[in-house]
Amino acid sequence: MRRIGLLYDIHIVSELRSGYRQDGVEITETAIDKLNERDVDWTVVGGDLRTYITPTADSAETLATWEGDENNVHYRQDFVRAKELLDERLQEDYYIIRGNNDRPIDIYREVFPAKNYPLWFWFEDAGARFVFLDSNPHQGYHHLTETQNFVSAPQLSMLDRLMDRDPDIPTFVFIHAPLAKHPEVTEDWESGYRGSYYITANYPAVQRVLERGNTILVNSGHFFPDEGRGSNTVRGVTYALGRHLVRSGDPDERNAGDVRWMDVDTETRRAVVRYYDIGEDEEGVLATSSW
């Protein structure tokens, strides 16, 4: 059996902006302590390592340059602080997938080099296959509301090859933006801002490839804590949607969201995703799947 930590949407802010009200460090420390307590074998850091909120201005024109900071000091230092926290606090290995806030890529790469932190990849462990996808393959200087979540063609090709190579091995997928609609959470996945921001744009194409193999469960994040959490099964594949661990602009633990972990047991052929709601101080089961 493998127990896998799911640490999504930590939204870390560097100490250069320590006076700014949004700082996910303390909430993330609580979440990591919970994963260590649960003895996870390894952890997926599921995107949005840093925040994308400007510290002094709200206009779109200043979001990319941090009020004239052409050297990207705030971007860089947010990533540095996030990495220090993960390295120092997590007791086991971790693997990163990017979220919509983790940009620009060239600055991300300074802290998380490609040799050690590929943007998408896969491996097999304890009789299961684990696939890590990047739903935000942009360089990333455009402002947040122009973001379009999608899975790139090279990633779809990788998935096709994996399903051709071994269509029977139980497969588990991690991605930042949802790969399925979740009507159990909200009915509106189409209009305006929600349609362009909340879901992976080419999710039907990704679903079709995943359904070619023995895909059991897909974990995603990206969803605000006050919107809720959910689980939805589409043509035999279970999609689990968690809540933001840290909501941008709110470092108060009373308003924090979920940290999750997933047990995968290939002997009993069962997987369970559990969550700990930090704000409510309660645990529960988010999703179960058997094969």
C-alpha atoms as a PDB file:
ATOM      1  CA  MET A   1       0.000   0.000   0.000  1.00  0.00           C
ATOM      2  CA  ARG A   2       1.041   3.587  -0.610  1.00  0.00           C
ATOM      3  CA  ARG A   3      -0.187   6.621   1.308  1.00  0.00           C
ATOM      4  CA  ILE A   4       0.267   9.775  -0.748  1.00  0.00           C
ATOM      5  CA  GLY A   5       0.031  13.310   0.603  1.00  0.00           C
ATOM      6  CA  LEU A   6      -1.943  15.838  -1.463  1.00  0.00           C
ATOM      7  CA  LEU A   7      -0.810  19.384  -0.716  1.00  0.00           C
ATOM      8  CA  TYR A   8      -2.556  21.784  -3.089  1.00  0.00           C
ATOM      9  CA  ASP A   9      -2.818  25.603  -3.216  1.00  0.00           C
ATOM     10  CA  ILE A  10      -0.409  26.616  -0.462  1.00  0.00           C
ATOM     11  CA  HIS A  11      -0.048  30.229  -1.760  1.00  0.00           C
ATOM     12  CA  ILE A  12       3.213  31.134  -0.046  1.00  0.00           C
ATOM     13  CA  VAL A  13       4.325  34.771   0.202  1.00  0.00           C
ATOM     14  CA  SER A  14       7.975  35.727   0.624  1.00  0.00           C
ATOM     15  CA  GLU A  15       9.313  37.526   3.667  1.00  0.00           C
ATOM     16  CA  LEU A  16       9.933  40.554   1.465  1.00  0.00           C
ATOM     17  CA  ARG A  17       6.184  41.062   1.721  1.00  0.00           C
ATOM     18  CA  SER A  18       5.791  39.899   5.317  1.00  0.00           C
ATOM     19  CA  GLY A  19       3.578  42.882   6.074  1.00  0.00           C
ATOM     20  CA  TYR A  20       1.161  41.844   3.366  1.00  0.00           C
ATOM     21  CA  ARG A  21      -1.928  40.195   4.813  1.00  0.00           C
ATOM     22  CA  GLN A  22      -1.858  37.018   2.696  1.00  0.00           C
ATOM     23  CA  ASP A  23       0.730  34.532   3.941  1.00  0.00           C
ATOM     24  CA  GLY A  24       0.133  30.790   3.659  1.00  0.00           C
ATOM     25  CA  VAL A  25       3.111  29.676   5.717  1.00  0.00           C
ATOM     26  CA  GLU A  26       1.424  28.872   9.038  1.00  0.00           C
ATOM     27  CA  ILE A  27      -1.508  27.077   7.401  1.00  0.00           C
ATOM     28  CA  THR A  28       0.874  25.097   5.213  1.00  0.00           C
ATOM     29  CA  GLU A  29       2.946  24.137   8.251  1.00  0.00           C
ATOM     30  CA  THR A  30      -0.214  22.788   9.905  1.00  0.00           C
ATOM     31  CA  ALA A  31      -1.059  20.843   6.751  1.00  0.00           C
ATOM     32  CA  ILE A  32       2.427  19.352   6.443  1.00  0.00           C
ATOM     33  CA  ASP A  33       2.388  18.351  10.109  1.00  0.00           C
ATOM     34  CA  LYS A  34      -0.863  16.469   9.427  1.00  0.00           C
ATOM     35  CA  LEU A  35       0.732  14.612   6.494  1.00  0.00           C
ATOM     36  CA  ASN A  36       3.767  13.734   8.591  1.00  0.00           C
ATOM     37  CA  GLU A  37       1.440  12.528  11.342  1.00  0.00           C
ATOM     38  CA  ARG A  38      -0.327  10.300   8.807  1.00  0.00           C
ATOM     39  CA  ASP A  39       3.028   8.788   7.724  1.00  0.00           C
ATOM     40  CA  VAL A  40       2.646   9.489   4.020  1.00  0.00           C
ATOM     41  CA  ASP A  41       5.142   7.737   1.748  1.00  0.00           C
ATOM     42  CA  TRP A  42       5.496  10.770  -0.509  1.00  0.00           C
ATOM     43  CA  THR A  43       3.600  13.967  -1.283  1.00  0.00           C
ATOM     44  CA  VAL A  44       2.227  15.686  -4.366  1.00  0.00           C
ATOM     45  CA  VAL A  45       2.555  19.466  -4.147  1.00  0.00           C
ATOM     46  CA  GLY A  46      -0.346  20.210  -6.435  1.00  0.00           C
ATOM     47  CA  GLY A  47       0.308  23.687  -7.766  1.00  0.00           C
ATOM     48  CA  ASP A  48      -0.067  27.316  -6.705  1.00  0.00           C
ATOM     49  CA  LEU A  49       3.042  27.325  -4.563  1.00  0.00           C
ATOM     50  CA  ARG A  50       2.920  31.111  -4.553  1.00  0.00           C
ATOM     51  CA  THR A  51       0.277  33.797  -4.668  1.00  0.00           C
ATOM     52  CA  TYR A  52      -0.336  36.007  -7.676  1.00  0.00           C
ATOM     53  CA  ILE A  53      -1.724  39.013  -5.839  1.00  0.00           C
ATOM     54  CA  THR A  54       0.100  42.302  -6.245  1.00  0.00           C
ATOM     55  CA  PRO A  55       1.086  43.824  -2.885  1.00  0.00           C
ATOM     56  CA  THR A  56       0.282  47.420  -3.750  1.00  0.00           C
ATOM     57  CA  ALA A  57      -1.922  47.702  -6.845  1.00  0.00           C
ATOM     58  CA  ASP A  58      -5.001  46.060  -8.322  1.00  0.00           C
ATOM     59  CA  SER A  59      -4.704  47.002 -11.972  1.00  0.00           C
ATOM     60  CA  ALA A  60      -3.869  44.290 -14.486  1.00  0.00           C
ATOM     61  CA  GLU A  61      -1.036  46.340 -15.974  1.00  0.00           C
ATOM     62  CA  THR A  62       0.990  46.105 -12.766  1.00  0.00           C
ATOM     63  CA  LEU A  63       0.378  42.471 -11.850  1.00  0.00           C
ATOM     64  CA  ALA A  64       3.158  41.115 -14.060  1.00  0.00           C
ATOM     65  CA  THR A  65       5.882  43.553 -12.990  1.00  0.00           C
ATOM     66  CA  TRP A  66       5.092  44.075  -9.293  1.00  0.00           C
ATOM     67  CA  GLU A  67       5.007  47.843  -9.610  1.00  0.00           C
ATOM     68  CA  GLY A  68       8.068  48.160 -11.811  1.00  0.00           C
ATOM     69  CA  ASP A  69      10.065  45.263 -10.367  1.00  0.00           C
ATOM     70  CA  GLU A  70      11.511  44.150 -13.706  1.00  0.00           C
ATOM     71  CA  ASN A  71      13.893  41.737 -11.938  1.00  0.00           C
ATOM     72  CA  ASN A  72      11.004  39.615 -10.655  1.00  0.00           C
ATOM     73  CA  VAL A  73      12.218  39.775  -7.066  1.00  0.00           C
ATOM     74  CA  HIS A  74       8.797  38.967  -5.602  1.00  0.00           C
ATOM     75  CA  TYR A  75       8.178  36.055  -7.947  1.00  0.00           C
ATOM     76  CA  ARG A  76      11.610  34.601  -7.197  1.00  0.00           C
ATOM     77  CA  GLN A  77      11.460  35.029  -3.433  1.00  0.00           C
ATOM     78  CA  ASP A  78       7.979  33.513  -3.164  1.00  0.00           C
ATOM     79  CA  PHE A  79       9.295  30.360  -4.878  1.00  0.00           C
ATOM     80  CA  VAL A  80      12.405  30.343  -2.687  1.00  0.00           C
ATOM     81  CA  ARG A  81      10.373  30.558   0.507  1.00  0.00           C
ATOM     82  CA  ALA A  82       7.984  27.827  -0.668  1.00  0.00           C
ATOM     83  CA  LYS A  83      10.875  25.472  -1.467  1.00  0.00           C
ATOM     84  CA  GLU A  84      12.551  26.131   1.877  1.00  0.00           C
ATOM     85  CA  LEU A  85       9.321  25.294   3.677  1.00  0.00           C
ATOM     86  CA  LEU A  86       8.782  22.057   1.732  1.00  0.00           C
ATOM     87  CA  ASP A  87      12.404  20.947   2.129  1.00  0.00           C
ATOM     88  CA  GLU A  88      12.546  21.674   5.836  1.00  0.00           C
ATOM     89  CA  ARG A  89       9.131  20.416   6.962  1.00  0.00           C
ATOM     90  CA  LEU A  90       8.099  17.456   4.822  1.00  0.00           C
ATOM     91  CA  GLN A  91       9.636  14.275   6.191  1.00  0.00           C
ATOM     92  CA  GLU A  92       9.431  12.314   2.912  1.00  0.00           C
ATOM     93  CA  ASP A  93       9.964  13.035  -0.787  1.00  0.00           C
ATOM     94  CA  TYR A  94       7.679  15.384  -2.683  1.00  0.00           C
ATOM     95  CA  TYR A  95       6.813  15.912  -6.352  1.00  0.00           C
ATOM     96  CA  ILE A  96       5.559  19.207  -7.791  1.00  0.00           C
ATOM     97  CA  ILE A  97       3.030  20.033 -10.479  1.00  0.00           C
ATOM     98  CA  ARG A  98       2.519  23.665 -11.449  1.00  0.00           C
ATOM     99  CA  GLY A  99      -0.629  25.706 -10.953  1.00  0.00           C
ATOM    100  CA  ASN A 100      -1.841  28.880 -12.624  1.00  0.00           C
ATOM    101  CA  ASN A 101       0.038  31.030 -10.086  1.00  0.00           C
ATOM    102  CA  ASP A 102       3.408  29.351 -10.636  1.00  0.00           C
ATOM    103  CA  ARG A 103       4.792  31.664 -13.281  1.00  0.00           C
ATOM    104  CA  PRO A 104       6.697  32.947 -15.115  1.00  0.00           C
ATOM    105  CA  ILE A 105       8.276  29.614 -15.963  1.00  0.00           C
ATOM    106  CA  ASP A 106      11.801  31.009 -16.321  1.00  0.00           C
ATOM    107  CA  ILE A 107      11.740  32.305 -12.730  1.00  0.00           C
ATOM    108  CA  TYR A 108      10.138  29.066 -11.496  1.00  0.00           C
ATOM    109  CA  ARG A 109      12.959  27.193 -13.214  1.00  0.00           C
ATOM    110  CA  GLU A 110      15.607  29.113 -11.263  1.00  0.00           C
ATOM    111  CA  VAL A 111      14.289  27.579  -8.031  1.00  0.00           C
ATOM    112  CA  PHE A 112      12.900  24.300  -9.402  1.00  0.00           C
ATOM    113  CA  PRO A 113      15.288  23.244 -12.226  1.00  0.00           C
ATOM    114  CA  ALA A 114      14.010  20.974 -14.974  1.00  0.00           C
ATOM    115  CA  LYS A 115      16.485  18.187 -14.167  1.00  0.00           C
ATOM    116  CA  ASN A 116      14.889  17.620 -10.765  1.00  0.00           C
ATOM    117  CA  TYR A 117      11.392  19.043 -11.333  1.00  0.00           C
ATOM    118  CA  PRO A 118       9.959  18.134 -14.771  1.00  0.00           C
ATOM    119  CA  LEU A 119       6.709  19.848 -15.730  1.00  0.00           C
ATOM    120  CA  TRP A 120       4.966  16.548 -16.459  1.00  0.00           C
ATOM    121  CA  PHE A 121       6.076  12.979 -15.819  1.00  0.00           C
ATOM    122  CA  TRP A 122       5.059   9.563 -14.518  1.00  0.00           C
ATOM    123  CA  PHE A 123       6.401   6.605 -12.580  1.00  0.00           C
ATOM    124  CA  GLU A 124       5.270   3.245 -11.246  1.00  0.00           C
ATOM    125  CA  ASP A 125       5.261   2.423  -7.543  1.00  0.00           C
ATOM    126  CA  ALA A 126       3.865  -0.551  -5.579  1.00  0.00           C
ATOM    127  CA  GLY A 127       1.964  -1.938  -8.555  1.00  0.00           C
ATOM    128  CA  ALA A 128       0.331   1.322  -9.635  1.00  0.00           C
ATOM    129  CA  ARG A 129       1.115   4.048 -12.179  1.00  0.00           C
ATOM    130  CA  PHE A 130       1.171   7.690 -11.108  1.00  0.00           C
ATOM    131  CA  VAL A 131       0.892  10.456 -13.714  1.00  0.00           C
ATOM    132  CA  PHE A 132       1.619  14.132 -13.082  1.00  0.00           C
ATOM    133  CA  LEU A 133       0.181  16.693 -15.535  1.00  0.00           C
ATOM    134  CA  ASP A 134       0.739  20.428 -16.024  1.00  0.00           C
ATOM    135  CA  SER A 135      -2.549  22.270 -16.635  1.00  0.00           C
ATOM    136  CA  ASN A 136      -0.849  25.675 -17.083  1.00  0.00           C
ATOM    137  CA  PRO A 137       1.896  25.344 -19.718  1.00  0.00           C
ATOM    138  CA  HIS A 138       2.318  29.102 -20.224  1.00  0.00           C
ATOM    139  CA  GLN A 139       5.344  31.333 -19.851  1.00  0.00           C
ATOM    140  CA  GLY A 140       2.999  33.370 -17.731  1.00  0.00           C
ATOM    141  CA  TYR A 141       3.435  37.134 -17.841  1.00  0.00           C
ATOM    142  CA  HIS A 142      -0.227  37.739 -18.673  1.00  0.00           C
ATOM    143  CA  HIS A 143      -2.462  38.551 -15.737  1.00  0.00           C
ATOM    144  CA  LEU A 144      -4.525  35.988 -13.913  1.00  0.00           C
ATOM    145  CA  THR A 145      -7.894  36.452 -15.624  1.00  0.00           C
ATOM    146  CA  GLU A 146      -6.328  35.700 -19.020  1.00  0.00           C
ATOM    147  CA  THR A 147      -5.186  32.274 -17.889  1.00  0.00           C
ATOM    148  CA  GLN A 148      -6.510  29.305 -19.832  1.00  0.00           C
ATOM    149  CA  ASN A 149      -5.994  25.922 -18.194  1.00  0.00           C
ATOM    150  CA  PHE A 150      -5.227  23.139 -20.676  1.00  0.00           C
ATOM    151  CA  VAL A 151      -3.195  19.965 -21.123  1.00  0.00           C
ATOM    152  CA  SER A 152      -0.699  20.380 -23.948  1.00  0.00           C
ATOM    153  CA  ALA A 153      -0.342  18.076 -26.960  1.00  0.00           C
ATOM    154  CA  PRO A 154       2.964  16.529 -25.758  1.00  0.00           C
ATOM    155  CA  GLN A 155       1.259  15.531 -22.523  1.00  0.00           C
ATOM    156  CA  LEU A 156      -1.634  13.942 -24.398  1.00  0.00           C
ATOM    157  CA  SER A 157       0.912  12.023 -26.462  1.00  0.00           C
ATOM    158  CA  MET A 158       2.583  10.817 -23.274  1.00  0.00           C
ATOM    159  CA  LEU A 159      -0.781   9.605 -21.958  1.00  0.00           C
ATOM    160  CA  ASP A 160      -1.515   7.817 -25.247  1.00  0.00           C
ATOM    161  CA  ARG A 161       1.825   6.001 -25.117  1.00  0.00           C
ATOM    162  CA  LEU A 162       1.272   4.993 -21.503  1.00  0.00           C
ATOM    163  CA  MET A 163      -2.150   3.535 -22.259  1.00  0.00           C
ATOM    164  CA  ASP A 164      -0.721   1.659 -25.261  1.00  0.00           C
ATOM    165  CA  ARG A 165       2.174   0.318 -23.200  1.00  0.00           C
ATOM    166  CA  ASP A 166       0.070  -1.044 -20.356  1.00  0.00           C
ATOM    167  CA  PRO A 167      -3.704  -0.439 -20.413  1.00  0.00           C
ATOM    168  CA  ASP A 168      -4.330  -2.619 -17.354  1.00  0.00           C
ATOM    169  CA  ILE A 169      -2.140  -1.165 -14.609  1.00  0.00           C
ATOM    170  CA  PRO A 170      -4.179   0.945 -12.133  1.00  0.00           C
ATOM    171  CA  THR A 171      -3.419   4.574 -12.927  1.00  0.00           C
ATOM    172  CA  PHE A 172      -3.733   7.652 -10.724  1.00  0.00           C
ATOM    173  CA  VAL A 173      -3.485  11.196 -12.069  1.00  0.00           C
ATOM    174  CA  PHE A 174      -2.569  14.479 -10.398  1.00  0.00           C
ATOM    175  CA  ILE A 175      -3.309  17.878 -11.959  1.00  0.00           C
ATOM    176  CA  HIS A 176      -3.954  21.373 -10.664  1.00  0.00           C
ATOM    177  CA  ALA A 177      -7.095  22.462 -12.553  1.00  0.00           C
ATOM    178  CA  PRO A 178     -10.081  20.068 -12.623  1.00  0.00           C
ATOM    179  CA  LEU A 179     -10.396  17.562 -15.467  1.00  0.00           C
ATOM    180  CA  ALA A 180     -14.151  17.139 -14.970  1.00  0.00           C
ATOM    181  CA  LYS A 181     -17.123  19.268 -14.060  1.00  0.00           C
ATOM    182  CA  HIS A 182     -18.379  18.833 -10.526  1.00  0.00           C
ATOM    183  CA  PRO A 183     -22.127  19.552 -10.425  1.00  0.00           C
ATOM    184  CA  GLU A 184     -22.167  18.250  -6.839  1.00  0.00           C
ATOM    185  CA  VAL A 185     -20.159  21.379  -5.928  1.00  0.00           C
ATOM    186  CA  THR A 186     -21.592  24.010  -8.262  1.00  0.00           C
ATOM    187  CA  GLU A 187     -23.865  23.915 -11.292  1.00  0.00           C
ATOM    188  CA  ASP A 188     -22.118  26.719 -13.184  1.00  0.00           C
ATOM    189  CA  TRP A 189     -18.975  25.581 -15.000  1.00  0.00           C
ATOM    190  CA  GLU A 190     -19.572  27.498 -18.220  1.00  0.00           C
ATOM    191  CA  SER A 191     -20.393  31.170 -17.862  1.00  0.00           C
ATOM    192  CA  GLY A 192     -17.914  34.017 -17.912  1.00  0.00           C
ATOM    193  CA  TYR A 193     -14.989  33.809 -15.552  1.00  0.00           C
ATOM    194  CA  ARG A 194     -15.883  30.313 -14.369  1.00  0.00           C
ATOM    195  CA  GLY A 195     -15.797  28.886 -17.867  1.00  0.00           C
ATOM    196  CA  SER A 196     -12.296  30.168 -18.593  1.00  0.00           C
ATOM    197  CA  TYR A 197     -10.749  29.735 -15.164  1.00  0.00           C
ATOM    198  CA  TYR A 198     -12.242  26.900 -13.113  1.00  0.00           C
ATOM    199  CA  ILE A 199     -11.707  23.921 -15.421  1.00  0.00           C
ATOM    200  CA  THR A 200      -9.130  22.516 -17.837  1.00  0.00           C
ATOM    201  CA  ALA A 201     -10.306  23.759 -21.236  1.00  0.00           C
ATOM    202  CA  ASN A 202      -9.672  20.542 -23.177  1.00  0.00           C
ATOM    203  CA  TYR A 203     -10.860  18.197 -20.423  1.00  0.00           C
ATOM    204  CA  PRO A 204     -12.972  16.041 -22.825  1.00  0.00           C
ATOM    205  CA  ALA A 205      -9.863  15.150 -24.840  1.00  0.00           C
ATOM    206  CA  VAL A 206      -7.939  14.242 -21.686  1.00  0.00           C
ATOM    207  CA  GLN A 207     -10.831  12.163 -20.367  1.00  0.00           C
ATOM    208  CA  ARG A 208     -10.995  10.149 -23.599  1.00  0.00           C
ATOM    209  CA  VAL A 209      -7.318   9.211 -23.329  1.00  0.00           C
ATOM    210  CA  LEU A 210      -7.573   8.334 -19.641  1.00  0.00           C
ATOM    211  CA  GLU A 211     -10.532   6.070 -20.387  1.00  0.00           C
ATOM    212  CA  ARG A 212      -8.385   4.012 -22.764  1.00  0.00           C
ATOM    213  CA  GLY A 213      -6.559   2.553 -19.762  1.00  0.00           C
ATOM    214  CA  ASN A 214      -7.324   1.500 -16.224  1.00  0.00           C
ATOM    215  CA  THR A 215      -7.488   5.034 -14.802  1.00  0.00           C
ATOM    216  CA  ILE A 216      -8.888   4.854 -11.291  1.00  0.00           C
ATOM    217  CA  LEU A 217      -8.766   8.311  -9.756  1.00  0.00           C
ATOM    218  CA  VAL A 218      -7.805  11.884 -10.681  1.00  0.00           C
ATOM    219  CA  ASN A 219      -6.948  14.437  -7.970  1.00  0.00           C
ATOM    220  CA  SER A 220      -7.184  18.181  -8.610  1.00  0.00           C
ATOM    221  CA  GLY A 221      -7.329  21.435  -6.639  1.00  0.00           C
ATOM    222  CA  HIS A 222      -7.669  25.072  -7.732  1.00  0.00           C
ATOM    223  CA  PHE A 223     -11.117  25.501  -6.144  1.00  0.00           C
ATOM    224  CA  PHE A 224     -11.901  28.165  -3.527  1.00  0.00           C
ATOM    225  CA  PRO A 225     -12.502  26.928   0.046  1.00  0.00           C
ATOM    226  CA  ASP A 226     -15.935  28.530   0.310  1.00  0.00           C
ATOM    227  CA  GLU A 227     -17.095  26.712  -2.866  1.00  0.00           C
ATOM    228  CA  GLY A 228     -16.830  23.250  -1.344  1.00  0.00           C
ATOM    229  CA  ARG A 229     -15.216  19.928  -2.197  1.00  0.00           C
ATOM    230  CA  GLY A 230     -16.572  17.053  -4.269  1.00  0.00           C
ATOM    231  CA  SER A 231     -16.153  13.756  -6.073  1.00  0.00           C
ATOM    232  CA  ASN A 232     -17.660  12.812  -9.416  1.00  0.00           C
ATOM    233  CA  THR A 233     -17.370   9.610 -11.465  1.00  0.00           C
ATOM    234  CA  VAL A 234     -17.390   9.976 -15.252  1.00  0.00           C
ATOM    235  CA  ARG A 235     -17.457   6.805 -17.387  1.00  0.00           C
ATOM    236  CA  GLY A 236     -15.713   4.783 -14.702  1.00  0.00           C
ATOM    237  CA  VAL A 237     -13.040   7.325 -13.674  1.00  0.00           C
ATOM    238  CA  THR A 238     -13.390   9.080 -10.304  1.00  0.00           C
ATOM    239  CA  TYR A 239     -12.456  12.771 -10.166  1.00  0.00           C
ATOM    240  CA  ALA A 240     -11.754  14.220  -6.703  1.00  0.00           C
ATOM    241  CA  LEU A 241     -11.854  17.987  -6.225  1.00  0.00           C
ATOM    242  CA  GLY A 242     -10.374  19.551  -3.099  1.00  0.00           C
ATOM    243  CA  ARG A 243     -10.688  23.028  -1.648  1.00  0.00           C
ATOM    244  CA  HIS A 244      -7.926  25.631  -1.588  1.00  0.00           C
ATOM    245  CA  LEU A 245      -5.713  25.046   1.423  1.00  0.00           C
ATOM    246  CA  VAL A 246      -4.997  28.786   1.590  1.00  0.00           C
ATOM    247  CA  ARG A 247      -7.306  31.262  -0.081  1.00  0.00           C
ATOM    248  CA  SER A 248      -5.489  34.238  -1.580  1.00  0.00           C
ATOM    249  CA  GLY A 249      -5.711  37.159   0.798  1.00  0.00           C
ATOM    250  CA  ASP A 250      -6.675  35.194   3.905  1.00  0.00           C
ATOM    251  CA  PRO A 251      -3.997  33.695   6.206  1.00  0.00           C
ATOM    252  CA  ASP A 252      -6.506  32.995   9.022  1.00  0.00           C
ATOM    253  CA  GLU A 253      -6.506  29.277   9.920  1.00  0.00           C
ATOM    254  CA  ARG A 254     -10.182  29.524  10.819  1.00  0.00           C
ATOM    255  CA  ASN A 255     -10.886  30.076   7.121  1.00  0.00           C
ATOM    256  CA  ALA A 256      -8.372  27.523   5.812  1.00  0.00           C
ATOM    257  CA  GLY A 257      -9.309  24.682   3.491  1.00  0.00           C
ATOM    258  CA  ASP A 258      -8.222  21.072   3.061  1.00  0.00           C
ATOM    259  CA  VAL A 259      -5.093  18.994   3.074  1.00  0.00           C
ATOM    260  CA  ARG A 260      -5.640  15.494   1.664  1.00  0.00           C
ATOM    261  CA  TRP A 261      -4.003  12.096   1.465  1.00  0.00           C
ATOM    262  CA  MET A 262      -4.770   9.066  -0.688  1.00  0.00           C
ATOM    263  CA  ASP A 263      -4.343   5.397   0.210  1.00  0.00           C
ATOM    264  CA  VAL A 264      -3.722   3.133  -2.778  1.00  0.00           C
ATOM    265  CA  ASP A 265      -3.835  -0.606  -2.065  1.00  0.00           C
ATOM    266  CA  THR A 266      -3.247  -2.739  -5.147  1.00  0.00           C
ATOM    267  CA  GLU A 267      -3.770  -5.967  -3.191  1.00  0.00           C
ATOM    268  CA  THR A 268      -7.312  -5.122  -2.110  1.00  0.00           C
ATOM    269  CA  ARG A 269      -7.781  -3.054  -5.324  1.00  0.00           C
ATOM    270  CA  ARG A 270      -9.104  -0.038  -3.482  1.00  0.00           C
ATOM    271  CA  ALA A 271      -8.206   3.652  -3.227  1.00  0.00           C
ATOM    272  CA  VAL A 272      -9.494   6.175  -0.682  1.00  0.00           C
ATOM    273  CA  VAL A 273      -8.967   9.954  -0.590  1.00  0.00           C
ATOM    274  CA  ARG A 274      -9.338  11.517   2.840  1.00  0.00           C
ATOM    275  CA  TYR A 275      -9.218  15.168   3.848  1.00  0.00           C
ATOM    276  CA  TYR A 276      -8.505  17.220   6.928  1.00  0.00           C
ATOM    277  CA  ASP A 277     -10.367  20.527   7.008  1.00  0.00           C
ATOM    278  CA  ILE A 278      -8.019  22.841   8.913  1.00  0.00           C
ATOM    279  CA  GLY A 279     -10.584  25.586   9.437  1.00  0.00           C
ATOM    280  CA  GLU A 280     -13.185  23.221  10.889  1.00  0.00           C
ATOM    281  CA  ASP A 281     -10.647  20.840  12.493  1.00  0.00           C
ATOM    282  CA  GLU A 282     -12.386  17.769  11.101  1.00  0.00           C
ATOM    283  CA  GLU A 283     -11.550  14.802   8.886  1.00  0.00           C
ATOM    284  CA  GLY A 284     -13.622  12.982   6.315  1.00  0.00           C
ATOM    285  CA  VAL A 285     -13.620  10.808   3.193  1.00  0.00           C
ATOM    286  CA  LEU A 286     -13.654  12.662  -0.115  1.00  0.00           C
ATOM    287  CA  ALA A 287     -13.602   9.791  -2.613  1.00  0.00           C
ATOM    288  CA  THR A 288     -13.360   6.009  -2.822  1.00  0.00           C
ATOM    289  CA  SER A 289     -12.766   3.805  -5.847  1.00  0.00           C
ATOM    290  CA  SER A 290     -12.334   0.074  -6.469  1.00  0.00           C
ATOM    291  CA  TRP A 291     -11.188  -1.872  -9.503  1.00  0.00           C
END
